[in-house]
Amino acid sequence: MRTLSKRSEFLAANRGLRFPMPGFVLLVRPRGDGDDAPGIGFTVSKKVGNAVTRNRMKRRLRALARQILPESGIAGADHVLIGRPGGNDIVFAELGEHLESALARAAKKLAR
């Protein structure tokens, strides 16, 4: 799994599919470069809260990605998780279910 680090990669992912869920928004965009490794990026804006809140949200999103993306992620696509206000209040297992359903919706939409 590769990590997105450049602003241009995040902007490219923003032009892809968007799946809003409680606690986060999932952006998915197929790269089309022949590499099957899924890309992952995280962003949490200041609207979510102070630095402690944002860092906690990013840690939770990273843990979700490590747990779910290797099996359910879309090969050859960039995934961006955007934290939303209230995401830290949702139970971790429930966030995992939301991410799996968003990835299933994304895979179904990209298969068309």
N, C-alpha and C. Protein backbone atom coordinates (compact mmCIF):
# COMPACT_ATOMS: atom_id res chain seq x y z
N MET A 1 0.85 -1.17 0.00
CA MET A 1 0.00 0.00 0.00
C MET A 1 0.90 1.24 0.00
N ARG A 2 0.64 2.15 -0.91
CA ARG A 2 1.43 3.36 -0.97
C ARG A 2 0.67 4.53 -0.34
N THR A 3 1.42 5.44 0.24
CA THR A 3 0.83 6.58 0.92
C THR A 3 0.89 7.80 0.02
N LEU A 4 -0.24 8.51 -0.07
CA LEU A 4 -0.28 9.74 -0.85
C LEU A 4 0.38 10.84 -0.03
N SER A 5 1.25 11.61 -0.66
CA SER A 5 1.92 12.67 0.07
C SER A 5 1.88 14.01 -0.66
N LYS A 6 1.72 13.99 -1.97
CA LYS A 6 1.73 15.23 -2.74
C LYS A 6 0.33 15.81 -2.86
N ARG A 7 0.27 17.12 -2.86
CA ARG A 7 -1.01 17.81 -2.98
C ARG A 7 -1.71 17.42 -4.28
N SER A 8 -0.94 17.25 -5.35
CA SER A 8 -1.53 16.90 -6.64
C SER A 8 -2.24 15.55 -6.60
N GLU A 9 -1.74 14.62 -5.78
CA GLU A 9 -2.39 13.31 -5.65
C GLU A 9 -3.74 13.46 -4.94
N PHE A 10 -3.80 14.32 -3.93
CA PHE A 10 -5.06 14.55 -3.23
C PHE A 10 -6.06 15.26 -4.14
N LEU A 11 -5.59 16.23 -4.93
CA LEU A 11 -6.48 16.93 -5.85
C LEU A 11 -7.00 15.99 -6.93
N ALA A 12 -6.16 15.08 -7.39
CA ALA A 12 -6.60 14.10 -8.38
C ALA A 12 -7.67 13.18 -7.79
N ALA A 13 -7.46 12.75 -6.55
CA ALA A 13 -8.46 11.89 -5.89
C ALA A 13 -9.77 12.63 -5.69
N ASN A 14 -9.70 13.93 -5.51
CA ASN A 14 -10.92 14.73 -5.32
C ASN A 14 -11.77 14.75 -6.59
N ARG A 15 -11.17 14.49 -7.74
CA ARG A 15 -11.93 14.43 -8.99
C ARG A 15 -12.59 13.07 -9.21
N GLY A 16 -12.34 12.12 -8.31
CA GLY A 16 -12.90 10.78 -8.43
C GLY A 16 -14.27 10.66 -7.78
N LEU A 17 -14.59 9.45 -7.37
CA LEU A 17 -15.87 9.17 -6.73
C LEU A 17 -15.84 9.57 -5.26
N ARG A 18 -16.97 10.02 -4.75
CA ARG A 18 -17.08 10.50 -3.37
C ARG A 18 -18.19 9.72 -2.67
N PHE A 19 -17.86 9.18 -1.50
CA PHE A 19 -18.82 8.40 -0.72
C PHE A 19 -18.88 8.95 0.70
N PRO A 20 -19.82 9.84 0.99
CA PRO A 20 -19.92 10.39 2.36
C PRO A 20 -20.52 9.37 3.31
N MET A 21 -19.90 9.23 4.47
CA MET A 21 -20.36 8.32 5.52
C MET A 21 -20.34 9.10 6.83
N PRO A 22 -21.02 8.60 7.85
CA PRO A 22 -20.92 9.27 9.15
C PRO A 22 -19.49 9.13 9.68
N GLY A 23 -18.85 10.20 9.98
CA GLY A 23 -17.51 10.16 10.53
C GLY A 23 -16.41 10.43 9.53
N PHE A 24 -16.63 10.15 8.25
CA PHE A 24 -15.60 10.39 7.24
C PHE A 24 -16.22 10.42 5.86
N VAL A 25 -15.44 10.89 4.89
CA VAL A 25 -15.80 10.84 3.48
C VAL A 25 -14.71 10.04 2.78
N LEU A 26 -15.10 9.10 1.95
CA LEU A 26 -14.15 8.30 1.19
C LEU A 26 -14.12 8.80 -0.24
N LEU A 27 -12.91 9.13 -0.73
CA LEU A 27 -12.70 9.48 -2.13
C LEU A 27 -11.95 8.33 -2.79
N VAL A 28 -12.40 7.90 -3.95
CA VAL A 28 -11.74 6.81 -4.68
C VAL A 28 -11.55 7.24 -6.12
N ARG A 29 -10.33 7.06 -6.61
CA ARG A 29 -10.04 7.38 -8.01
C ARG A 29 -9.06 6.37 -8.57
N PRO A 30 -9.45 5.63 -9.62
CA PRO A 30 -8.51 4.71 -10.26
C PRO A 30 -7.37 5.49 -10.90
N ARG A 31 -6.13 5.03 -10.68
CA ARG A 31 -4.96 5.73 -11.21
C ARG A 31 -4.73 5.41 -12.68
N GLY A 32 -4.89 4.16 -13.06
CA GLY A 32 -4.68 3.76 -14.45
C GLY A 32 -3.21 3.72 -14.85
N ASP A 33 -2.32 3.50 -13.89
CA ASP A 33 -0.89 3.46 -14.19
C ASP A 33 -0.34 2.03 -14.25
N GLY A 34 -1.20 1.03 -14.10
CA GLY A 34 -0.75 -0.36 -14.18
C GLY A 34 -0.26 -0.94 -12.86
N ASP A 35 -0.12 -0.12 -11.84
CA ASP A 35 0.31 -0.57 -10.52
C ASP A 35 -0.93 -0.98 -9.73
N ASP A 36 -0.94 -2.22 -9.22
CA ASP A 36 -2.12 -2.71 -8.49
C ASP A 36 -2.14 -2.32 -7.02
N ALA A 37 -1.09 -1.72 -6.51
CA ALA A 37 -1.05 -1.35 -5.09
C ALA A 37 -2.03 -0.20 -4.84
N PRO A 38 -2.91 -0.36 -3.85
CA PRO A 38 -3.83 0.75 -3.54
C PRO A 38 -3.08 1.87 -2.85
N GLY A 39 -3.46 3.10 -3.16
CA GLY A 39 -2.89 4.27 -2.49
C GLY A 39 -3.84 4.76 -1.41
N ILE A 40 -3.30 5.32 -0.34
CA ILE A 40 -4.14 5.80 0.75
C ILE A 40 -3.62 7.15 1.23
N GLY A 41 -4.54 8.04 1.52
CA GLY A 41 -4.21 9.35 2.06
C GLY A 41 -5.24 9.74 3.10
N PHE A 42 -4.83 10.58 4.03
CA PHE A 42 -5.72 11.00 5.12
C PHE A 42 -5.67 12.51 5.23
N THR A 43 -6.81 13.10 5.53
CA THR A 43 -6.85 14.54 5.78
C THR A 43 -7.96 14.83 6.77
N VAL A 44 -7.65 15.71 7.71
CA VAL A 44 -8.62 16.15 8.71
C VAL A 44 -8.42 17.66 8.86
N SER A 45 -9.45 18.43 8.55
CA SER A 45 -9.31 19.89 8.57
C SER A 45 -9.52 20.45 9.98
N LYS A 46 -9.24 21.72 10.11
CA LYS A 46 -9.39 22.39 11.41
C LYS A 46 -10.85 22.51 11.83
N LYS A 47 -11.77 22.29 10.91
CA LYS A 47 -13.20 22.32 11.25
C LYS A 47 -13.57 21.19 12.20
N VAL A 48 -12.76 20.13 12.20
CA VAL A 48 -13.05 18.96 13.03
C VAL A 48 -12.76 19.26 14.51
N GLY A 49 -11.74 20.05 14.78
CA GLY A 49 -11.43 20.37 16.17
C GLY A 49 -9.99 20.83 16.33
N ASN A 50 -9.54 20.81 17.57
CA ASN A 50 -8.16 21.24 17.84
C ASN A 50 -7.17 20.15 17.43
N ALA A 51 -5.88 20.38 17.63
CA ALA A 51 -4.84 19.47 17.16
C ALA A 51 -4.97 18.08 17.77
N VAL A 52 -5.32 18.01 19.04
CA VAL A 52 -5.46 16.71 19.70
C VAL A 52 -6.59 15.91 19.05
N THR A 53 -7.70 16.57 18.78
CA THR A 53 -8.85 15.90 18.16
C THR A 53 -8.52 15.45 16.74
N ARG A 54 -7.85 16.31 15.99
CA ARG A 54 -7.50 15.96 14.61
C ARG A 54 -6.52 14.80 14.57
N ASN A 55 -5.51 14.81 15.45
CA ASN A 55 -4.54 13.72 15.47
C ASN A 55 -5.18 12.41 15.87
N ARG A 56 -6.11 12.45 16.81
CA ARG A 56 -6.81 11.22 17.21
C ARG A 56 -7.62 10.67 16.04
N MET A 57 -8.26 11.57 15.31
CA MET A 57 -9.05 11.16 14.16
C MET A 57 -8.14 10.53 13.10
N LYS A 58 -6.99 11.12 12.84
CA LYS A 58 -6.06 10.55 11.85
C LYS A 58 -5.55 9.18 12.28
N ARG A 59 -5.27 9.02 13.59
CA ARG A 59 -4.82 7.71 14.08
C ARG A 59 -5.90 6.66 13.87
N ARG A 60 -7.15 7.02 14.13
CA ARG A 60 -8.25 6.07 13.94
C ARG A 60 -8.42 5.72 12.46
N LEU A 61 -8.30 6.72 11.59
CA LEU A 61 -8.43 6.46 10.15
C LEU A 61 -7.30 5.58 9.64
N ARG A 62 -6.07 5.82 10.13
CA ARG A 62 -4.93 4.97 9.73
C ARG A 62 -5.14 3.53 10.17
N ALA A 63 -5.63 3.34 11.39
CA ALA A 63 -5.88 1.99 11.89
C ALA A 63 -6.96 1.30 11.05
N LEU A 64 -8.00 2.03 10.68
CA LEU A 64 -9.04 1.47 9.82
C LEU A 64 -8.46 1.04 8.47
N ALA A 65 -7.64 1.89 7.89
CA ALA A 65 -7.06 1.59 6.58
C ALA A 65 -6.16 0.36 6.65
N ARG A 66 -5.34 0.26 7.69
CA ARG A 66 -4.46 -0.92 7.84
C ARG A 66 -5.28 -2.20 7.98
N GLN A 67 -6.41 -2.11 8.63
CA GLN A 67 -7.23 -3.28 8.91
C GLN A 67 -8.07 -3.70 7.71
N ILE A 68 -8.62 -2.75 6.97
CA ILE A 68 -9.64 -3.07 5.98
C ILE A 68 -9.15 -2.99 4.53
N LEU A 69 -8.30 -2.03 4.22
CA LEU A 69 -7.92 -1.83 2.81
C LEU A 69 -7.18 -3.00 2.17
N PRO A 70 -6.32 -3.74 2.86
CA PRO A 70 -5.66 -4.85 2.16
C PRO A 70 -6.63 -5.87 1.57
N GLU A 71 -7.76 -6.13 2.23
CA GLU A 71 -8.73 -7.09 1.70
C GLU A 71 -9.78 -6.43 0.82
N SER A 72 -10.30 -5.28 1.23
CA SER A 72 -11.45 -4.67 0.57
C SER A 72 -11.10 -3.51 -0.34
N GLY A 73 -9.86 -3.04 -0.31
CA GLY A 73 -9.48 -1.89 -1.12
C GLY A 73 -9.52 -2.20 -2.60
N ILE A 74 -9.64 -1.17 -3.40
CA ILE A 74 -9.72 -1.32 -4.84
C ILE A 74 -8.31 -1.25 -5.41
N ALA A 75 -7.90 -2.31 -6.07
CA ALA A 75 -6.54 -2.39 -6.61
C ALA A 75 -6.34 -1.34 -7.69
N GLY A 76 -5.20 -0.67 -7.64
CA GLY A 76 -4.87 0.33 -8.65
C GLY A 76 -5.60 1.64 -8.49
N ALA A 77 -6.15 1.89 -7.31
CA ALA A 77 -6.90 3.14 -7.08
C ALA A 77 -6.33 3.86 -5.87
N ASP A 78 -6.49 5.17 -5.86
CA ASP A 78 -6.12 5.97 -4.70
C ASP A 78 -7.36 6.16 -3.84
N HIS A 79 -7.19 5.99 -2.53
CA HIS A 79 -8.26 6.16 -1.56
C HIS A 79 -7.86 7.31 -0.64
N VAL A 80 -8.76 8.24 -0.40
CA VAL A 80 -8.51 9.33 0.54
C VAL A 80 -9.64 9.31 1.57
N LEU A 81 -9.27 9.31 2.84
CA LEU A 81 -10.24 9.37 3.93
C LEU A 81 -10.19 10.78 4.52
N ILE A 82 -11.31 11.47 4.49
CA ILE A 82 -11.42 12.82 5.03
C ILE A 82 -12.24 12.74 6.31
N GLY A 83 -11.63 13.12 7.42
CA GLY A 83 -12.33 13.09 8.70
C GLY A 83 -13.41 14.14 8.79
N ARG A 84 -14.52 13.78 9.43
CA ARG A 84 -15.65 14.70 9.61
C ARG A 84 -15.86 14.96 11.10
N PRO A 85 -16.47 16.10 11.43
CA PRO A 85 -16.75 16.36 12.85
C PRO A 85 -17.62 15.25 13.44
N GLY A 86 -17.30 14.84 14.64
CA GLY A 86 -18.05 13.78 15.30
C GLY A 86 -17.52 12.39 15.01
N GLY A 87 -16.52 12.27 14.18
CA GLY A 87 -15.98 10.96 13.82
C GLY A 87 -15.33 10.25 14.99
N ASN A 88 -14.80 11.01 15.94
CA ASN A 88 -14.18 10.39 17.12
C ASN A 88 -15.21 9.83 18.08
N ASP A 89 -16.45 10.26 17.97
CA ASP A 89 -17.50 9.80 18.87
C ASP A 89 -18.12 8.47 18.42
N ILE A 90 -17.83 8.05 17.19
CA ILE A 90 -18.40 6.82 16.66
C ILE A 90 -17.52 5.64 17.08
N VAL A 91 -18.15 4.54 17.44
CA VAL A 91 -17.43 3.33 17.85
C VAL A 91 -16.57 2.84 16.69
N PHE A 92 -15.34 2.39 16.99
CA PHE A 92 -14.38 1.98 15.97
C PHE A 92 -14.94 0.88 15.07
N ALA A 93 -15.61 -0.10 15.64
CA ALA A 93 -16.16 -1.21 14.85
C ALA A 93 -17.21 -0.69 13.86
N GLU A 94 -17.97 0.30 14.30
CA GLU A 94 -19.00 0.87 13.42
C GLU A 94 -18.34 1.64 12.27
N LEU A 95 -17.25 2.34 12.56
CA LEU A 95 -16.51 3.03 11.50
C LEU A 95 -15.99 2.01 10.48
N GLY A 96 -15.54 0.86 10.96
CA GLY A 96 -15.07 -0.19 10.06
C GLY A 96 -16.18 -0.69 9.15
N GLU A 97 -17.37 -0.85 9.70
CA GLU A 97 -18.52 -1.28 8.88
C GLU A 97 -18.84 -0.23 7.83
N HIS A 98 -18.77 1.05 8.23
CA HIS A 98 -19.04 2.14 7.28
C HIS A 98 -18.01 2.13 6.15
N LEU A 99 -16.74 1.91 6.48
CA LEU A 99 -15.70 1.90 5.46
C LEU A 99 -15.89 0.71 4.52
N GLU A 100 -16.22 -0.45 5.06
CA GLU A 100 -16.43 -1.61 4.20
C GLU A 100 -17.61 -1.40 3.25
N SER A 101 -18.69 -0.80 3.74
CA SER A 101 -19.84 -0.55 2.87
C SER A 101 -19.51 0.50 1.82
N ALA A 102 -18.73 1.52 2.18
CA ALA A 102 -18.33 2.54 1.20
C ALA A 102 -17.44 1.93 0.13
N LEU A 103 -16.51 1.05 0.53
CA LEU A 103 -15.64 0.40 -0.45
C LEU A 103 -16.43 -0.53 -1.36
N ALA A 104 -17.44 -1.21 -0.82
CA ALA A 104 -18.28 -2.08 -1.64
C ALA A 104 -19.06 -1.25 -2.66
N ARG A 105 -19.58 -0.12 -2.23
CA ARG A 105 -20.30 0.78 -3.15
C ARG A 105 -19.36 1.29 -4.24
N ALA A 106 -18.13 1.62 -3.84
CA ALA A 106 -17.15 2.12 -4.81
C ALA A 106 -16.81 1.05 -5.85
N ALA A 107 -16.58 -0.17 -5.37
CA ALA A 107 -16.23 -1.27 -6.28
C ALA A 107 -17.37 -1.54 -7.25
N LYS A 108 -18.59 -1.49 -6.75
CA LYS A 108 -19.77 -1.72 -7.60
C LYS A 108 -19.89 -0.63 -8.66
N LYS A 109 -19.65 0.61 -8.26
CA LYS A 109 -19.78 1.73 -9.20
C LYS A 109 -18.65 1.70 -10.24
N LEU A 110 -17.44 1.32 -9.82
CA LEU A 110 -16.32 1.27 -10.76
C LEU A 110 -16.42 0.08 -11.71
N ALA A 111 -17.15 -0.96 -11.31
CA ALA A 111 -17.27 -2.15 -12.17
C ALA A 111 -18.15 -1.87 -13.39
N ARG A 112 -18.98 -0.85 -13.30
CA ARG A 112 -19.85 -0.52 -14.44
C ARG A 112 -19.10 0.03 -15.60
